Amino acid sequence: MSNITIDKCVGRVIDLIYIDTSGKFSQRRVNLFAIRNGKARVYDVKKRGYRTLIVDRILAVQAE
């Protein structure tokens, strides 16, 4: 896996580290569908559901 910017990951499965509004960190494996207006639309593989993440809260990205 290599470190890359999230805007180059649309359409790919990625691992990311995210910090939520309460300051809690999480590591997620997601399929990134779109980035628009500072938000990333993803499918969370572990939680088996769609999520909308704030791009500024994504701390690190690794692509397969």
C-alpha atoms as a PDB file:
ATOM      1  CA  MET A   1       0.000   0.000   0.000  1.00  0.00           C
ATOM      2  CA  SER A   2       1.133   3.552  -0.612  1.00  0.00           C
ATOM      3  CA  ASN A   3       0.314   6.917   0.919  1.00  0.00           C
ATOM      4  CA  ILE A   4      -1.617   9.125  -1.522  1.00  0.00           C
ATOM      5  CA  THR A   5      -4.049  12.022  -1.393  1.00  0.00           C
ATOM      6  CA  ILE A   6      -7.722  11.234  -1.010  1.00  0.00           C
ATOM      7  CA  ASP A   7      -8.789  13.035  -4.194  1.00  0.00           C
ATOM      8  CA  LYS A   8      -6.873  10.426  -6.213  1.00  0.00           C
ATOM      9  CA  CYS A   9      -8.738   7.563  -4.506  1.00  0.00           C
ATOM     10  CA  VAL A  10     -12.250   8.003  -5.896  1.00  0.00           C
ATOM     11  CA  GLY A  11     -13.510   4.620  -7.081  1.00  0.00           C
ATOM     12  CA  ARG A  12     -11.032   2.678  -4.927  1.00  0.00           C
ATOM     13  CA  VAL A  13     -11.013   0.803  -1.635  1.00  0.00           C
ATOM     14  CA  ILE A  14      -8.886   2.681   0.892  1.00  0.00           C
ATOM     15  CA  ASP A  15      -7.876   2.521   4.538  1.00  0.00           C
ATOM     16  CA  LEU A  16      -8.158   5.789   6.398  1.00  0.00           C
ATOM     17  CA  ILE A  17      -7.825   7.299   9.846  1.00  0.00           C
ATOM     18  CA  TYR A  18     -10.662   9.633  10.789  1.00  0.00           C
ATOM     19  CA  ILE A  19     -11.402  11.835  13.788  1.00  0.00           C
ATOM     20  CA  ASP A  20     -15.080  12.448  14.560  1.00  0.00           C
ATOM     21  CA  THR A  21     -16.685  15.567  16.043  1.00  0.00           C
ATOM     22  CA  SER A  22     -16.163  14.313  19.604  1.00  0.00           C
ATOM     23  CA  GLY A  23     -12.420  13.792  18.996  1.00  0.00           C
ATOM     24  CA  LYS A  24     -12.588  10.004  18.739  1.00  0.00           C
ATOM     25  CA  PHE A  25     -10.176   8.371  16.264  1.00  0.00           C
ATOM     26  CA  SER A  26     -11.197   5.460  14.056  1.00  0.00           C
ATOM     27  CA  GLN A  27      -9.510   3.386  11.384  1.00  0.00           C
ATOM     28  CA  ARG A  28     -11.811   2.430   8.525  1.00  0.00           C
ATOM     29  CA  ARG A  29     -11.686   0.486   5.287  1.00  0.00           C
ATOM     30  CA  VAL A  30     -14.003   2.167   2.822  1.00  0.00           C
ATOM     31  CA  ASN A  31     -14.915   2.287  -0.833  1.00  0.00           C
ATOM     32  CA  LEU A  32     -14.704   5.963  -1.801  1.00  0.00           C
ATOM     33  CA  PHE A  33     -17.456   6.973  -4.231  1.00  0.00           C
ATOM     34  CA  ALA A  34     -17.261  10.762  -4.411  1.00  0.00           C
ATOM     35  CA  ILE A  35     -15.820  13.920  -2.913  1.00  0.00           C
ATOM     36  CA  ARG A  36     -17.974  17.029  -3.079  1.00  0.00           C
ATOM     37  CA  ASN A  37     -18.195  20.239  -1.041  1.00  0.00           C
ATOM     38  CA  GLY A  38     -15.618  19.057   1.481  1.00  0.00           C
ATOM     39  CA  LYS A  39     -17.406  15.751   2.118  1.00  0.00           C
ATOM     40  CA  ALA A  40     -16.484  12.210   1.109  1.00  0.00           C
ATOM     41  CA  ARG A  41     -19.240   9.715   0.310  1.00  0.00           C
ATOM     42  CA  VAL A  42     -18.031   6.222   1.243  1.00  0.00           C
ATOM     43  CA  TYR A  43     -19.189   2.672   1.852  1.00  0.00           C
ATOM     44  CA  ASP A  44     -17.758   1.428   5.180  1.00  0.00           C
ATOM     45  CA  VAL A  45     -16.750  -2.215   4.658  1.00  0.00           C
ATOM     46  CA  LYS A  46     -16.803  -3.214   8.355  1.00  0.00           C
ATOM     47  CA  LYS A  47     -20.065  -1.446   9.246  1.00  0.00           C
ATOM     48  CA  ARG A  48     -21.652  -2.462   5.940  1.00  0.00           C
ATOM     49  CA  GLY A  49     -23.183   0.906   5.325  1.00  0.00           C
ATOM     50  CA  TYR A  50     -22.820   4.200   3.540  1.00  0.00           C
ATOM     51  CA  ARG A  51     -21.259   7.136   5.385  1.00  0.00           C
ATOM     52  CA  THR A  52     -20.536  10.771   4.671  1.00  0.00           C
ATOM     53  CA  LEU A  53     -17.203  11.913   6.098  1.00  0.00           C
ATOM     54  CA  ILE A  54     -15.838  15.444   6.421  1.00  0.00           C
ATOM     55  CA  VAL A  55     -12.662  15.500   4.311  1.00  0.00           C
ATOM     56  CA  ASP A  56     -10.840  17.822   6.748  1.00  0.00           C
ATOM     57  CA  ARG A  57     -11.271  15.168   9.474  1.00  0.00           C
ATOM     58  CA  ILE A  58      -9.486  12.469   7.448  1.00  0.00           C
ATOM     59  CA  LEU A  59      -5.973  12.345   8.881  1.00  0.00           C
ATOM     60  CA  ALA A  60      -4.331   9.638   6.731  1.00  0.00           C
ATOM     61  CA  VAL A  61      -5.122   7.587   3.632  1.00  0.00           C
ATOM     62  CA  GLN A  62      -3.654   4.373   2.215  1.00  0.00           C
ATOM     63  CA  ALA A  63      -4.874   2.777  -0.997  1.00  0.00           C
ATOM     64  CA  GLU A  64      -4.706  -0.914  -1.856  1.00  0.00           C
END
